[in-house]
Amino acid sequence: MATAADRAPRSAIVTGAGGALGRAIALRLGQDGFAVGIVGRGRASLDETAALLDEHGIPNLVVELDLRDTSAIDAAVSTVERALGPVEALVNNAAIYPATPFLEIPLSEYEDVVRVNQTAYFAGAQAAAQRMVPRGRGAIVSIGSITFHGGWEHLVSYVSTKGAAVGLTRSLARELGPTGVRVNAVSPGAFPTKAEEINGDPESYNRAVIEKQSIKRRGRNEELAAVVSFLVGEDSSFVTGQTINVDGGWVME
């Protein structure tokens, strides 16, 4: 059986890799044999992810950028390829989530969320696919949200962009499938991340989450990362255009 050391160099890019979910995804893909491009804002948190990967002997590169600057995204992909090898996986994970009542959302706030959660996903997918298509292989995974299935008050900007991630996934899967590039999405439920801070009372929120889920415990970030790993790996070679809910049975559709 071939080991990671036997494979040709290959890399994966994870945006928002300084956050809890992004860090878990980066570590899992590194353990799967990818060198990892750690992309996003906040140098300190990105460096923490890099240090974790270093501890596991995983080649990595930090690329600090603001995903609102779509012109920098293609350059970031090029930088990762030059340093770590062909980009064969992209995980669009970075997102922002201001909680504002709909009637009070300034257009500037909505447009900001669209730039990070939607336009950057498009630009990242395009930059990665432009390199994957000529090679005839690659996988793109965008992180959605179960909020798209039910709608969450005060999060209309976030929810609408997560719906766009699903639409992007389906359209790209249809168009890129003949080239050998697969495109899927993962919609997390309530995982322990900084996003929980918007809910105020952690204990009450924790009880509410478990009540809604079929599995009566909180999910672990590593469990989400495992599904992303499946979708960029060879075991999902016949899977594209799908959105997988990883939510303990909260949403069933």
Protein backbone atom coordinates (compact mmCIF):
# COMPACT_ATOMS: atom_id res chain seq x y z
CA MET A 1 0.00 0.00 0.00
CA ALA A 2 1.31 3.42 -0.92
CA THR A 3 2.03 5.79 1.93
CA ALA A 4 1.94 9.57 2.01
CA ALA A 5 5.70 9.59 1.53
CA ASP A 6 5.32 7.60 -1.70
CA ARG A 7 2.95 10.09 -3.32
CA ALA A 8 3.93 12.96 -5.58
CA PRO A 9 3.77 16.32 -3.81
CA ARG A 10 0.26 17.70 -3.57
CA SER A 11 -1.29 20.49 -1.62
CA ALA A 12 -4.60 21.61 -0.19
CA ILE A 13 -5.72 25.14 0.58
CA VAL A 14 -7.95 25.84 3.56
CA THR A 15 -9.32 29.36 3.92
CA GLY A 16 -10.13 30.60 7.38
CA ALA A 17 -7.59 28.09 8.65
CA GLY A 18 -6.95 30.08 11.80
CA GLY A 19 -10.42 29.31 13.16
CA ALA A 20 -11.51 26.19 15.00
CA LEU A 21 -13.11 24.37 12.07
CA GLY A 22 -10.47 25.48 9.58
CA ARG A 23 -7.69 24.34 11.91
CA ALA A 24 -9.26 20.90 12.34
CA ILE A 25 -9.69 20.58 8.56
CA ALA A 26 -6.10 21.65 7.89
CA LEU A 27 -4.75 19.11 10.36
CA ARG A 28 -6.86 16.28 8.97
CA LEU A 29 -5.89 16.99 5.36
CA GLY A 30 -2.26 17.17 6.42
CA GLN A 31 -2.60 13.80 8.09
CA ASP A 32 -4.11 12.52 4.82
CA GLY A 33 -0.92 13.39 2.95
CA PHE A 34 -1.54 16.93 1.74
CA ALA A 35 0.81 19.81 2.30
CA VAL A 36 -1.45 22.60 3.50
CA GLY A 37 -1.82 26.22 2.48
CA ILE A 38 -3.09 28.03 5.58
CA VAL A 39 -4.96 31.03 4.21
CA GLY A 40 -6.86 33.85 5.86
CA ARG A 41 -6.69 36.84 8.18
CA GLY A 42 -5.18 37.13 11.63
CA ARG A 43 -1.51 36.21 11.57
CA ALA A 44 -1.42 35.00 15.16
CA SER A 45 -4.20 32.44 14.69
CA LEU A 46 -2.80 31.31 11.33
CA ASP A 47 0.60 30.80 12.96
CA GLU A 48 -1.05 28.70 15.68
CA THR A 49 -2.43 26.41 12.99
CA ALA A 50 0.98 26.25 11.33
CA ALA A 51 2.61 25.34 14.64
CA LEU A 52 0.11 22.51 15.13
CA LEU A 53 0.88 21.16 11.66
CA ASP A 54 4.60 21.52 12.34
CA GLU A 55 4.18 19.37 15.44
CA HIS A 56 2.77 16.63 13.21
CA GLY A 57 5.46 16.98 10.57
CA ILE A 58 3.03 18.34 7.98
CA PRO A 59 4.47 20.71 5.35
CA ASN A 60 2.56 23.98 5.37
CA LEU A 61 2.64 27.59 4.33
CA VAL A 62 0.85 30.56 5.86
CA VAL A 63 -0.58 33.03 3.37
CA GLU A 64 -2.12 35.97 5.16
CA LEU A 65 -4.67 37.87 3.10
CA ASP A 66 -8.04 39.56 3.31
CA LEU A 67 -10.44 37.48 1.24
CA ARG A 68 -12.34 40.64 0.39
CA ASP A 69 -9.42 41.35 -1.94
CA THR A 70 -10.31 38.86 -4.65
CA SER A 71 -7.31 39.93 -6.74
CA ALA A 72 -5.07 38.41 -4.06
CA ILE A 73 -6.76 35.01 -4.13
CA ASP A 74 -5.28 33.83 -7.42
CA ALA A 75 -1.85 34.98 -6.26
CA ALA A 76 -2.29 33.00 -3.06
CA VAL A 77 -3.08 29.83 -4.99
CA SER A 78 0.03 30.37 -7.12
CA THR A 79 2.14 30.92 -4.01
CA VAL A 80 0.93 27.68 -2.44
CA GLU A 81 1.53 25.72 -5.65
CA ARG A 82 5.08 27.00 -6.00
CA ALA A 83 5.93 26.22 -2.41
CA LEU A 84 4.01 23.01 -1.72
CA GLY A 85 3.08 21.36 -5.03
CA PRO A 86 -0.06 21.20 -7.17
CA VAL A 87 -3.22 22.32 -5.44
CA GLU A 88 -5.49 19.27 -5.59
CA ALA A 89 -7.96 20.35 -2.92
CA LEU A 90 -9.56 23.63 -1.96
CA VAL A 91 -11.73 24.12 1.10
CA ASN A 92 -13.69 27.38 1.09
CA ASN A 93 -14.19 27.73 4.82
CA ALA A 94 -13.70 31.37 5.85
CA ALA A 95 -16.87 33.24 6.75
CA ILE A 96 -18.15 36.19 8.72
CA TYR A 97 -21.51 36.30 10.48
CA PRO A 98 -22.68 39.67 11.84
CA ALA A 99 -25.92 39.29 13.79
CA THR A 100 -28.19 42.21 12.88
CA PRO A 101 -31.97 42.46 12.57
CA PHE A 102 -32.91 42.57 8.89
CA LEU A 103 -34.53 46.01 9.03
CA GLU A 104 -31.34 47.45 10.51
CA ILE A 105 -28.73 45.91 8.21
CA PRO A 106 -26.86 48.60 6.29
CA LEU A 107 -26.16 47.69 2.70
CA SER A 108 -22.45 48.03 3.39
CA GLU A 109 -22.64 45.25 6.00
CA TYR A 110 -24.52 42.93 3.66
CA GLU A 111 -22.05 43.58 0.84
CA ASP A 112 -19.17 42.88 3.19
CA VAL A 113 -20.61 39.48 4.07
CA VAL A 114 -21.15 38.71 0.38
CA ARG A 115 -17.53 39.57 -0.41
CA VAL A 116 -16.16 37.16 2.18
CA ASN A 117 -18.75 34.36 2.17
CA GLN A 118 -19.74 34.33 -1.48
CA THR A 119 -17.49 36.26 -3.86
CA ALA A 120 -14.32 34.85 -2.29
CA TYR A 121 -15.73 31.32 -2.61
CA PHE A 122 -16.31 31.94 -6.32
CA ALA A 123 -12.86 33.46 -6.82
CA GLY A 124 -11.13 30.71 -4.87
CA ALA A 125 -12.96 27.98 -6.77
CA GLN A 126 -12.12 29.61 -10.08
CA ALA A 127 -8.43 30.04 -9.25
CA ALA A 128 -8.17 26.44 -8.06
CA ALA A 129 -10.15 25.02 -10.98
CA GLN A 130 -8.03 26.86 -13.52
CA ARG A 131 -5.14 24.75 -12.27
CA MET A 132 -7.04 21.54 -11.60
CA VAL A 133 -8.85 21.24 -14.94
CA PRO A 134 -5.71 20.93 -17.11
CA ARG A 135 -4.47 18.18 -14.77
CA GLY A 136 -7.82 16.38 -14.90
CA ARG A 137 -8.22 16.03 -11.16
CA GLY A 138 -9.04 17.97 -8.03
CA ALA A 139 -11.72 18.55 -5.43
CA ILE A 140 -13.39 21.69 -4.15
CA VAL A 141 -15.41 21.74 -0.94
CA SER A 142 -17.32 24.76 0.30
CA ILE A 143 -18.53 25.01 3.86
CA GLY A 144 -22.22 25.83 4.01
CA SER A 145 -24.48 25.87 7.05
CA ILE A 146 -27.64 24.18 8.23
CA THR A 147 -29.02 27.67 8.75
CA PHE A 148 -29.75 27.66 5.02
CA HIS A 149 -32.32 24.90 5.53
CA GLY A 150 -34.26 26.61 8.29
CA GLY A 151 -33.37 30.27 8.24
CA TRP A 152 -32.07 32.00 11.35
CA GLU A 153 -33.26 35.39 12.49
CA HIS A 154 -30.77 38.25 12.55
CA LEU A 155 -28.45 36.29 10.25
CA VAL A 156 -30.02 36.95 6.85
CA SER A 157 -26.71 38.05 5.29
CA TYR A 158 -24.92 34.93 6.48
CA VAL A 159 -27.76 32.55 5.64
CA SER A 160 -28.22 33.91 2.13
CA THR A 161 -24.52 33.58 1.34
CA LYS A 162 -24.46 30.03 2.66
CA GLY A 163 -27.32 29.26 0.29
CA ALA A 164 -25.18 30.72 -2.47
CA ALA A 165 -22.41 28.29 -1.54
CA VAL A 166 -24.79 25.41 -2.21
CA GLY A 167 -25.80 26.90 -5.55
CA LEU A 168 -22.16 27.41 -6.52
CA THR A 169 -21.43 23.80 -5.60
CA ARG A 170 -24.19 22.37 -7.75
CA SER A 171 -23.46 24.49 -10.80
CA LEU A 172 -19.71 23.89 -10.70
CA ALA A 173 -20.19 20.17 -10.16
CA ARG A 174 -22.28 20.04 -13.33
CA GLU A 175 -19.82 22.09 -15.37
CA LEU A 176 -16.54 20.69 -14.07
CA GLY A 177 -17.55 17.04 -13.72
CA PRO A 178 -16.46 16.09 -17.26
CA THR A 179 -12.98 17.45 -16.51
CA GLY A 180 -12.39 15.22 -13.49
CA VAL A 181 -12.83 17.97 -10.90
CA ARG A 182 -15.40 17.26 -8.19
CA VAL A 183 -17.27 19.91 -6.20
CA ASN A 184 -19.22 19.35 -2.99
CA ALA A 185 -20.38 21.18 0.10
CA VAL A 186 -20.55 20.42 3.80
CA SER A 187 -23.11 22.10 6.06
CA PRO A 188 -22.09 22.03 9.71
CA GLY A 189 -24.50 22.17 12.57
CA ALA A 190 -23.58 23.84 15.85
CA PHE A 191 -19.91 23.09 16.38
CA PRO A 192 -17.87 24.71 19.15
CA THR A 193 -16.46 27.80 17.43
CA LYS A 194 -16.32 31.54 18.06
CA ALA A 195 -19.64 31.83 16.22
CA GLU A 196 -21.37 30.68 19.39
CA GLU A 197 -20.52 34.00 21.02
CA ILE A 198 -23.46 35.62 19.23
CA ASN A 199 -25.89 33.46 21.21
CA GLY A 200 -25.17 35.04 24.58
CA ASP A 201 -25.80 32.31 27.15
CA PRO A 202 -23.51 29.32 26.34
CA GLU A 203 -25.18 26.87 28.69
CA SER A 204 -28.67 27.62 27.42
CA TYR A 205 -27.46 27.44 23.84
CA ASN A 206 -25.78 24.11 24.48
CA ARG A 207 -29.01 22.65 25.88
CA ALA A 208 -31.03 24.00 22.95
CA VAL A 209 -28.65 22.48 20.40
CA ILE A 210 -28.69 19.03 21.98
CA GLU A 211 -32.47 19.13 22.24
CA LYS A 212 -32.76 19.71 18.47
CA GLN A 213 -30.21 17.08 17.49
CA SER A 214 -30.91 13.37 17.15
CA ILE A 215 -27.45 12.58 18.56
CA LYS A 216 -27.52 13.93 22.09
CA ARG A 217 -24.07 15.44 22.37
CA ARG A 218 -22.15 18.27 20.79
CA GLY A 219 -20.19 17.58 17.64
CA ARG A 220 -16.41 17.64 17.57
CA ASN A 221 -14.55 19.72 15.00
CA GLU A 222 -12.62 16.61 14.01
CA GLU A 223 -15.89 14.98 12.95
CA LEU A 224 -16.57 17.76 10.47
CA ALA A 225 -12.99 17.55 9.23
CA ALA A 226 -13.44 13.83 8.60
CA VAL A 227 -16.32 14.49 6.19
CA VAL A 228 -14.29 17.12 4.34
CA SER A 229 -11.46 14.60 4.15
CA PHE A 230 -13.82 12.06 2.60
CA LEU A 231 -15.01 14.55 -0.02
CA VAL A 232 -11.51 15.50 -1.19
CA GLY A 233 -10.24 11.92 -1.07
CA GLU A 234 -10.33 8.96 -3.39
CA ASP A 235 -13.14 7.22 -1.48
CA SER A 236 -15.58 9.83 -2.79
CA SER A 237 -14.44 9.58 -6.42
CA PHE A 238 -18.07 9.16 -7.60
CA VAL A 239 -19.52 11.91 -5.41
CA THR A 240 -20.09 15.43 -6.74
CA GLY A 241 -22.70 18.15 -6.50
CA GLN A 242 -23.74 17.07 -3.01
CA THR A 243 -24.28 18.93 0.24
CA ILE A 244 -23.72 16.81 3.32
CA ASN A 245 -25.21 17.99 6.61
CA VAL A 246 -22.90 17.24 9.55
CA ASP A 247 -25.19 18.22 12.37
CA GLY A 248 -26.01 15.26 14.60
CA GLY A 249 -29.35 14.80 12.91
CA TRP A 250 -30.63 18.34 13.43
CA VAL A 251 -31.77 18.79 9.83
CA MET A 252 -33.03 15.78 7.89
CA GLU A 253 -33.65 16.69 4.25
